[in-house]
Amino acid sequence: MLRWNDKYGIKFMRLSSEMFPFASHEEHGYKLAPFAADVLAEAGKVAAELGHRLTTHPGQYTQIASPRKEVVAAAFRDLEYHDEMLSLLKLPEQMDRDAVMILHMGGTYGDKAATLDRFRENYSRLTEGVKKRLVLENDDVSWSVHDLLPICEELNIPLVLDYHHHNIIFDPSVREGTLDIMNLYDRIEKTWTRKNIKQKMHYSEPTADAVTPRERRKHSARVKVLPPCKPDMDLMIEAKDKEQAVFELMRTFKLPGWDLFNDIIPYERDDEPRKEVAREAKRTAKRSKKNDIDNDVVEVDSPSPVSPEDFGMGGPQNRVYWPLGMEEWLRPKKREVSKKDKVYVNSQD
């Protein structure tokens, strides 16, 4: 996946939290070292070779500010798991520093001030390895940039600005914009630079028919514009079409890498050997009197012009992009069966 991304100009990837199932489970959890240490180090070597930034985003139930002790304990285990996974990549110093873990504050539990106090207390108990990687992100339900920026500055935690979340929670009316947040840009940037971590931001857009805040939380398949941000920061696009959304932006704004890929050919899959079926009607001696037809089916494997390995990388012509809504191009075209012409015969009474 890293080499595929590199081939098409994508240098930034979020590692799945589900890579090692149940690793942070209270009863069935396990350490990644030593059994996964070598393979993670190998993956980290590839990332370092290609200069790719890797980050993680623990799930919504990882909340260290919860009033429930069992939730906090589970959150601690989950953060330790993510820290171990990133540490075992053995990335170079700066790349390791940039390998952050994005976390939401979670619920407010009816009292934001008390929730922030619990966060302060529990944050102080985290290991230094987790603290080094932990960053906070504003959400689209409870915690705005204005809520989180002060505590990020207080505890020396970087703040990930999510434009889409900000638009929803800061202004419940139907509008998308960033002007009101730009006055905080310098303060947000300093939460990153004082820890010598490369800043990252998130961007997404609501679906076209979304009106209410609840409807607007759903991410669109692709995004149409870019937010105002410095060219030296990392911008993560959160969209349903994933890499296709990135390709769309590359083409629209002629971003680096826009000329590295081409459209796929609709309904064609050159990586799969096709079976050509030849039907030949033969009359047999035994059935000749009954005018029966016996169809012999002969299956022949045609040679594959592109190996599965090369095809997985886009083939020699780098065909990896499809237009919005054209995912069906990836599947074989449905067979069209035409109805036989009806023959009408006039009969005499």
Protein backbone atom coordinates (compact mmCIF):
# COMPACT_ATOMS: atom_id res chain seq x y z
CA MET A 1 0.00 0.00 0.00
CA LEU A 2 2.84 2.39 0.78
CA ARG A 3 4.46 1.73 -2.59
CA TRP A 4 1.11 2.14 -4.36
CA ASN A 5 0.59 5.50 -2.65
CA ASP A 6 4.10 6.60 -3.52
CA LYS A 7 3.64 5.71 -7.18
CA TYR A 8 0.70 8.11 -7.36
CA GLY A 9 2.05 10.97 -5.26
CA ILE A 10 0.28 10.25 -1.95
CA LYS A 11 2.71 10.66 0.96
CA PHE A 12 0.44 10.60 3.98
CA MET A 13 -1.51 7.66 5.42
CA ARG A 14 -3.51 6.83 8.53
CA LEU A 15 -2.84 3.35 9.87
CA SER A 16 -5.92 1.35 10.82
CA SER A 17 -6.53 0.87 14.53
CA GLU A 18 -7.89 -2.59 13.67
CA MET A 19 -4.57 -3.83 12.32
CA PHE A 20 -4.15 -6.02 15.39
CA PRO A 21 -7.63 -7.07 16.59
CA PHE A 22 -8.27 -7.17 20.34
CA ALA A 23 -4.70 -6.07 21.11
CA SER A 24 -5.95 -3.66 23.79
CA HIS A 25 -8.68 -5.95 25.14
CA GLU A 26 -8.73 -6.25 28.93
CA GLU A 27 -8.82 -10.06 28.94
CA HIS A 28 -7.61 -11.13 25.50
CA GLY A 29 -5.21 -8.29 24.73
CA TYR A 30 -1.56 -8.84 23.86
CA LYS A 31 1.70 -7.04 23.21
CA LEU A 32 2.87 -6.61 19.61
CA ALA A 33 6.49 -7.35 20.46
CA PRO A 34 8.10 -9.66 19.74
CA PHE A 35 5.75 -11.44 17.32
CA ALA A 36 4.98 -8.39 15.11
CA ALA A 37 8.17 -6.43 15.72
CA ASP A 38 10.02 -7.53 12.57
CA VAL A 39 7.16 -6.99 10.14
CA LEU A 40 6.38 -3.55 11.59
CA ALA A 41 10.04 -2.58 11.40
CA GLU A 42 10.06 -3.68 7.77
CA ALA A 43 6.99 -1.55 7.03
CA GLY A 44 8.61 1.38 8.82
CA LYS A 45 11.73 0.95 6.71
CA VAL A 46 9.64 1.28 3.54
CA ALA A 47 7.88 4.37 4.92
CA ALA A 48 11.23 5.93 5.79
CA GLU A 49 12.65 5.08 2.38
CA LEU A 50 9.72 6.75 0.63
CA GLY A 51 9.33 9.62 3.09
CA HIS A 52 5.73 8.80 4.02
CA ARG A 53 4.08 10.16 7.14
CA LEU A 54 2.11 7.61 9.18
CA THR A 55 -0.44 8.50 11.87
CA THR A 56 -3.28 6.81 13.77
CA HIS A 57 -6.71 7.81 15.05
CA PRO A 58 -7.96 5.74 18.02
CA GLY A 59 -11.74 5.23 17.97
CA GLN A 60 -14.53 7.27 19.47
CA TYR A 61 -14.72 5.11 22.59
CA THR A 62 -11.15 5.92 23.61
CA GLN A 63 -11.98 8.66 26.11
CA ILE A 64 -9.65 9.48 28.98
CA ALA A 65 -12.03 12.15 30.32
CA SER A 66 -14.91 9.75 30.95
CA PRO A 67 -16.37 9.64 34.48
CA ARG A 68 -16.39 5.82 34.28
CA LYS A 69 -13.18 4.22 35.52
CA GLU A 70 -13.51 1.19 33.25
CA VAL A 71 -13.76 3.44 30.18
CA VAL A 72 -10.64 5.35 31.23
CA ALA A 73 -8.76 2.09 31.86
CA ALA A 74 -9.74 0.81 28.40
CA ALA A 75 -8.64 4.12 26.87
CA PHE A 76 -5.24 3.85 28.54
CA ARG A 77 -4.78 0.33 27.14
CA ASP A 78 -5.82 1.46 23.67
CA LEU A 79 -3.42 4.40 23.66
CA GLU A 80 -0.57 2.15 24.82
CA TYR A 81 -1.37 -0.25 21.97
CA HIS A 82 -1.26 2.54 19.37
CA ASP A 83 1.97 3.90 20.82
CA GLU A 84 3.59 0.46 20.68
CA MET A 85 2.49 -0.05 17.06
CA LEU A 86 3.98 3.27 15.98
CA SER A 87 7.15 2.78 18.02
CA LEU A 88 7.81 -0.65 16.51
CA LEU A 89 7.95 0.95 13.05
CA LYS A 90 11.41 2.19 14.07
CA LEU A 91 11.04 5.38 12.06
CA PRO A 92 13.76 8.03 11.85
CA GLU A 93 13.62 10.61 14.64
CA GLN A 94 11.56 13.33 12.92
CA MET A 95 9.23 10.87 11.21
CA ASP A 96 8.68 9.14 14.54
CA ARG A 97 7.90 12.49 16.13
CA ASP A 98 5.39 13.20 13.35
CA ALA A 99 3.68 9.82 13.89
CA VAL A 100 0.93 11.16 16.12
CA MET A 101 -2.26 9.69 17.59
CA ILE A 102 -5.38 11.83 17.05
CA LEU A 103 -7.92 11.77 19.86
CA HIS A 104 -11.32 13.37 20.46
CA MET A 105 -12.20 14.72 23.88
CA GLY A 106 -15.42 12.67 23.81
CA GLY A 107 -18.60 13.50 25.67
CA THR A 108 -19.27 16.44 27.96
CA TYR A 109 -21.28 14.40 30.49
CA GLY A 110 -23.34 17.46 31.33
CA ASP A 111 -20.40 19.49 32.64
CA LYS A 112 -17.59 20.65 30.36
CA ALA A 113 -15.51 22.12 33.17
CA ALA A 114 -15.57 18.87 35.17
CA THR A 115 -14.74 16.89 32.02
CA LEU A 116 -11.72 19.09 31.36
CA ASP A 117 -10.57 18.58 34.96
CA ARG A 118 -10.77 14.80 34.54
CA PHE A 119 -8.84 15.10 31.30
CA ARG A 120 -6.08 17.08 33.03
CA GLU A 121 -5.83 14.54 35.83
CA ASN A 122 -5.81 11.46 33.59
CA TYR A 123 -3.49 13.04 31.03
CA SER A 124 -0.89 13.49 33.77
CA ARG A 125 -0.98 9.71 34.36
CA LEU A 126 -0.24 8.77 30.74
CA THR A 127 3.18 7.41 29.86
CA GLU A 128 5.66 9.78 28.26
CA GLY A 129 5.50 7.76 25.04
CA VAL A 130 1.75 8.34 24.74
CA LYS A 131 2.03 12.01 25.71
CA LYS A 132 4.65 12.48 23.01
CA ARG A 133 2.20 11.32 20.33
CA LEU A 134 -1.18 12.47 21.60
CA VAL A 135 -2.97 15.30 19.78
CA LEU A 136 -6.55 16.55 20.17
CA GLU A 137 -9.08 17.19 17.40
CA ASN A 138 -12.20 19.33 17.54
CA ASP A 139 -15.36 17.32 16.88
CA ASP A 140 -18.75 17.98 15.30
CA VAL A 141 -20.91 17.35 18.37
CA SER A 142 -19.54 18.80 21.60
CA TRP A 143 -16.03 20.24 21.54
CA SER A 144 -15.15 23.21 19.34
CA VAL A 145 -11.75 24.64 18.50
CA HIS A 146 -12.47 27.41 21.00
CA ASP A 147 -13.09 24.79 23.71
CA LEU A 148 -9.94 22.77 23.05
CA LEU A 149 -7.31 25.34 22.12
CA PRO A 150 -6.85 26.68 25.69
CA ILE A 151 -6.29 23.23 27.22
CA CYS A 152 -3.97 22.28 24.34
CA GLU A 153 -1.90 25.36 25.09
CA GLU A 154 -2.01 24.61 28.82
CA LEU A 155 -0.90 20.96 28.55
CA ASN A 156 1.37 21.31 25.51
CA ILE A 157 -0.82 19.18 23.23
CA PRO A 158 -1.03 19.86 19.46
CA LEU A 159 -4.49 20.67 18.09
CA VAL A 160 -5.72 19.16 14.83
CA LEU A 161 -8.07 21.61 13.16
CA ASP A 162 -10.93 19.87 11.35
CA TYR A 163 -12.62 22.46 9.14
CA HIS A 164 -15.79 20.47 8.56
CA HIS A 165 -16.31 19.79 12.27
CA HIS A 166 -15.71 23.45 13.04
CA ASN A 167 -18.30 24.62 10.52
CA ILE A 168 -20.97 22.34 12.00
CA ILE A 169 -20.50 23.02 15.69
CA PHE A 170 -19.53 26.69 15.49
CA ASP A 171 -22.40 27.67 13.21
CA PRO A 172 -25.46 25.37 13.04
CA SER A 173 -26.80 27.24 10.00
CA VAL A 174 -26.16 25.92 6.52
CA ARG A 175 -22.87 27.45 5.56
CA GLU A 176 -19.32 26.37 4.91
CA GLY A 177 -16.44 28.72 5.53
CA THR A 178 -13.20 29.23 7.43
CA LEU A 179 -12.81 32.99 7.82
CA ASP A 180 -13.93 33.00 11.45
CA ILE A 181 -11.25 30.47 12.42
CA MET A 182 -8.33 32.10 10.64
CA ASN A 183 -7.68 34.48 13.53
CA LEU A 184 -6.65 31.42 15.56
CA TYR A 185 -4.25 30.03 12.95
CA ASP A 186 -1.10 31.30 14.66
CA ARG A 187 -2.09 29.91 18.06
CA ILE A 188 -2.99 26.53 16.55
CA GLU A 189 0.29 26.37 14.64
CA LYS A 190 2.30 27.06 17.79
CA THR A 191 0.81 24.01 19.51
CA TRP A 192 2.72 21.99 16.88
CA THR A 193 5.92 23.96 16.41
CA ARG A 194 6.78 24.10 20.11
CA LYS A 195 6.94 20.28 20.09
CA ASN A 196 8.74 20.24 16.73
CA ILE A 197 5.95 18.19 15.11
CA LYS A 198 4.83 18.85 11.55
CA GLN A 199 1.33 20.32 11.60
CA LYS A 200 -1.57 18.41 10.11
CA MET A 201 -5.15 19.42 9.41
CA HIS A 202 -8.31 17.58 8.39
CA TYR A 203 -10.70 18.56 5.64
CA SER A 204 -14.01 17.12 4.47
CA GLU A 205 -17.33 18.34 3.10
CA PRO A 206 -20.96 17.41 3.77
CA THR A 207 -23.15 15.64 1.24
CA ALA A 208 -24.94 17.89 -1.24
CA ASP A 209 -28.42 17.37 0.22
CA ALA A 210 -27.42 17.85 3.88
CA VAL A 211 -29.28 20.60 5.76
CA THR A 212 -29.38 19.94 9.51
CA PRO A 213 -26.21 19.63 11.63
CA ARG A 214 -26.85 15.90 12.00
CA GLU A 215 -27.12 15.46 8.22
CA ARG A 216 -24.04 17.59 7.62
CA ARG A 217 -21.85 15.30 9.72
CA LYS A 218 -21.85 12.70 6.97
CA HIS A 219 -18.82 13.06 4.71
CA SER A 220 -19.30 13.49 0.98
CA ALA A 221 -17.74 11.04 -1.46
CA ARG A 222 -15.29 13.67 -2.70
CA VAL A 223 -14.41 17.28 -1.92
CA LYS A 224 -14.49 20.18 -4.34
CA VAL A 225 -12.26 22.82 -2.78
CA LEU A 226 -9.17 23.18 -0.62
CA PRO A 227 -9.11 25.07 2.68
CA PRO A 228 -6.62 27.88 3.32
CA CYS A 229 -3.51 26.26 4.74
CA LYS A 230 0.24 26.58 4.45
CA PRO A 231 1.92 24.50 1.74
CA ASP A 232 4.35 22.91 4.20
CA MET A 233 1.70 21.30 6.43
CA ASP A 234 -0.02 17.96 5.90
CA LEU A 235 -3.68 18.02 4.91
CA MET A 236 -5.68 14.82 5.39
CA ILE A 237 -8.76 14.46 3.19
CA GLU A 238 -11.58 12.58 4.89
CA ALA A 239 -13.96 11.43 2.16
CA LYS A 240 -15.87 8.26 1.33
CA ASP A 241 -13.98 7.73 -1.93
CA LYS A 242 -10.62 7.89 -0.13
CA GLU A 243 -7.75 7.97 -2.67
CA GLN A 244 -10.18 8.82 -5.49
CA ALA A 245 -11.08 12.02 -3.64
CA VAL A 246 -7.37 12.87 -3.47
CA PHE A 247 -6.96 12.17 -7.19
CA GLU A 248 -9.92 14.45 -7.89
CA LEU A 249 -8.26 17.31 -6.01
CA MET A 250 -4.94 16.64 -7.75
CA ARG A 251 -6.58 16.98 -11.15
CA THR A 252 -8.74 19.95 -10.25
CA PHE A 253 -5.92 22.06 -8.82
CA LYS A 254 -2.99 20.51 -10.72
CA LEU A 255 -1.38 19.44 -7.46
CA PRO A 256 1.90 17.48 -7.50
CA GLY A 257 1.14 14.00 -8.80
CA TRP A 258 -1.88 14.99 -10.92
CA ASP A 259 -0.23 13.60 -14.06
CA LEU A 260 0.86 10.27 -12.55
CA PHE A 261 -2.41 8.40 -13.10
CA ASN A 262 -4.94 7.73 -15.85
CA ASP A 263 -8.59 6.68 -16.07
CA ILE A 264 -9.40 3.02 -15.87
CA ILE A 265 -10.99 1.42 -18.93
CA PRO A 266 -14.66 0.79 -18.11
CA TYR A 267 -15.58 -2.83 -17.35
CA GLU A 268 -12.19 -4.27 -18.33
CA ARG A 269 -10.01 -6.33 -16.00
CA ASP A 270 -6.82 -7.35 -17.75
CA ASP A 271 -5.49 -9.06 -14.64
CA GLU A 272 -7.99 -11.90 -14.75
CA PRO A 273 -7.52 -14.74 -17.29
CA ARG A 274 -10.70 -14.90 -19.27
CA LYS A 275 -12.51 -18.10 -20.14
CA GLU A 276 -13.64 -18.09 -23.69
CA VAL A 277 -16.66 -20.29 -24.19
CA ALA A 278 -17.16 -21.69 -27.69
CA ARG A 279 -20.50 -23.26 -28.42
CA GLU A 280 -20.76 -25.61 -31.38
CA ALA A 281 -24.00 -27.35 -32.23
CA LYS A 282 -23.56 -30.97 -33.23
CA ARG A 283 -26.10 -33.41 -34.40
CA THR A 284 -25.56 -36.87 -33.08
CA ALA A 285 -26.61 -39.99 -34.80
CA LYS A 286 -28.82 -41.09 -31.93
CA ARG A 287 -30.72 -37.79 -31.79
CA SER A 288 -30.78 -36.92 -35.44
CA LYS A 289 -34.30 -38.21 -35.78
CA LYS A 290 -35.49 -35.97 -32.96
CA ASN A 291 -33.58 -32.91 -34.26
CA ASP A 292 -31.91 -32.47 -30.88
CA ILE A 293 -28.83 -30.31 -30.58
CA ASP A 294 -25.99 -31.16 -28.24
CA ASN A 295 -23.92 -28.16 -27.25
CA ASP A 296 -20.32 -28.89 -26.31
CA VAL A 297 -18.77 -26.23 -24.12
CA VAL A 298 -15.04 -25.71 -24.49
CA GLU A 299 -13.25 -23.51 -21.93
CA VAL A 300 -9.94 -21.98 -22.91
CA ASP A 301 -7.76 -19.84 -20.63
CA SER A 302 -6.54 -16.83 -22.54
CA PRO A 303 -3.14 -15.44 -21.57
CA SER A 304 -3.20 -12.50 -19.19
CA PRO A 305 -1.46 -9.47 -20.74
CA VAL A 306 -0.85 -7.95 -17.28
CA SER A 307 0.26 -9.88 -14.22
CA PRO A 308 -1.91 -9.55 -11.09
CA GLU A 309 1.03 -7.89 -9.31
CA ASP A 310 1.42 -5.23 -12.00
CA PHE A 311 -2.32 -4.75 -12.26
CA GLY A 312 -2.55 -4.15 -8.52
CA MET A 313 -0.17 -1.23 -9.03
CA GLY A 314 -2.27 0.21 -11.84
CA GLY A 315 -0.72 -1.66 -14.75
CA PRO A 316 1.77 -0.21 -17.24
CA GLN A 317 -0.60 2.66 -18.05
CA ASN A 318 -1.33 3.60 -14.41
CA ARG A 319 -5.10 3.26 -14.78
CA VAL A 320 -6.37 3.80 -11.24
CA TYR A 321 -8.85 6.69 -11.43
CA TRP A 322 -12.57 6.57 -12.10
CA PRO A 323 -15.03 9.50 -12.25
CA LEU A 324 -17.42 10.17 -9.40
CA GLY A 325 -20.13 7.53 -9.19
CA MET A 326 -18.48 5.21 -11.71
CA GLU A 327 -17.36 2.46 -9.32
CA GLU A 328 -19.25 0.03 -11.55
CA TRP A 329 -16.43 0.40 -14.06
CA LEU A 330 -14.41 -1.91 -11.80
CA ARG A 331 -16.79 -4.80 -12.41
CA PRO A 332 -17.36 -6.77 -15.60
CA LYS A 333 -20.11 -5.30 -17.70
CA LYS A 334 -23.42 -7.00 -17.21
CA ARG A 335 -24.39 -9.28 -20.04
CA GLU A 336 -27.12 -7.77 -22.16
CA VAL A 337 -29.62 -10.32 -23.36
CA SER A 338 -31.81 -9.11 -26.20
CA LYS A 339 -35.26 -10.53 -26.55
CA LYS A 340 -35.91 -12.51 -29.69
CA ASP A 341 -38.16 -10.89 -32.20
CA LYS A 342 -41.67 -12.06 -31.80
CA VAL A 343 -43.26 -13.73 -34.83
CA TYR A 344 -46.96 -13.33 -35.30
CA VAL A 345 -48.79 -15.87 -37.48
CA ASN A 346 -52.28 -15.25 -38.73
CA SER A 347 -54.33 -18.40 -38.46
CA GLN A 348 -57.52 -19.09 -40.29
CA ASP A 349 -60.57 -20.01 -38.28
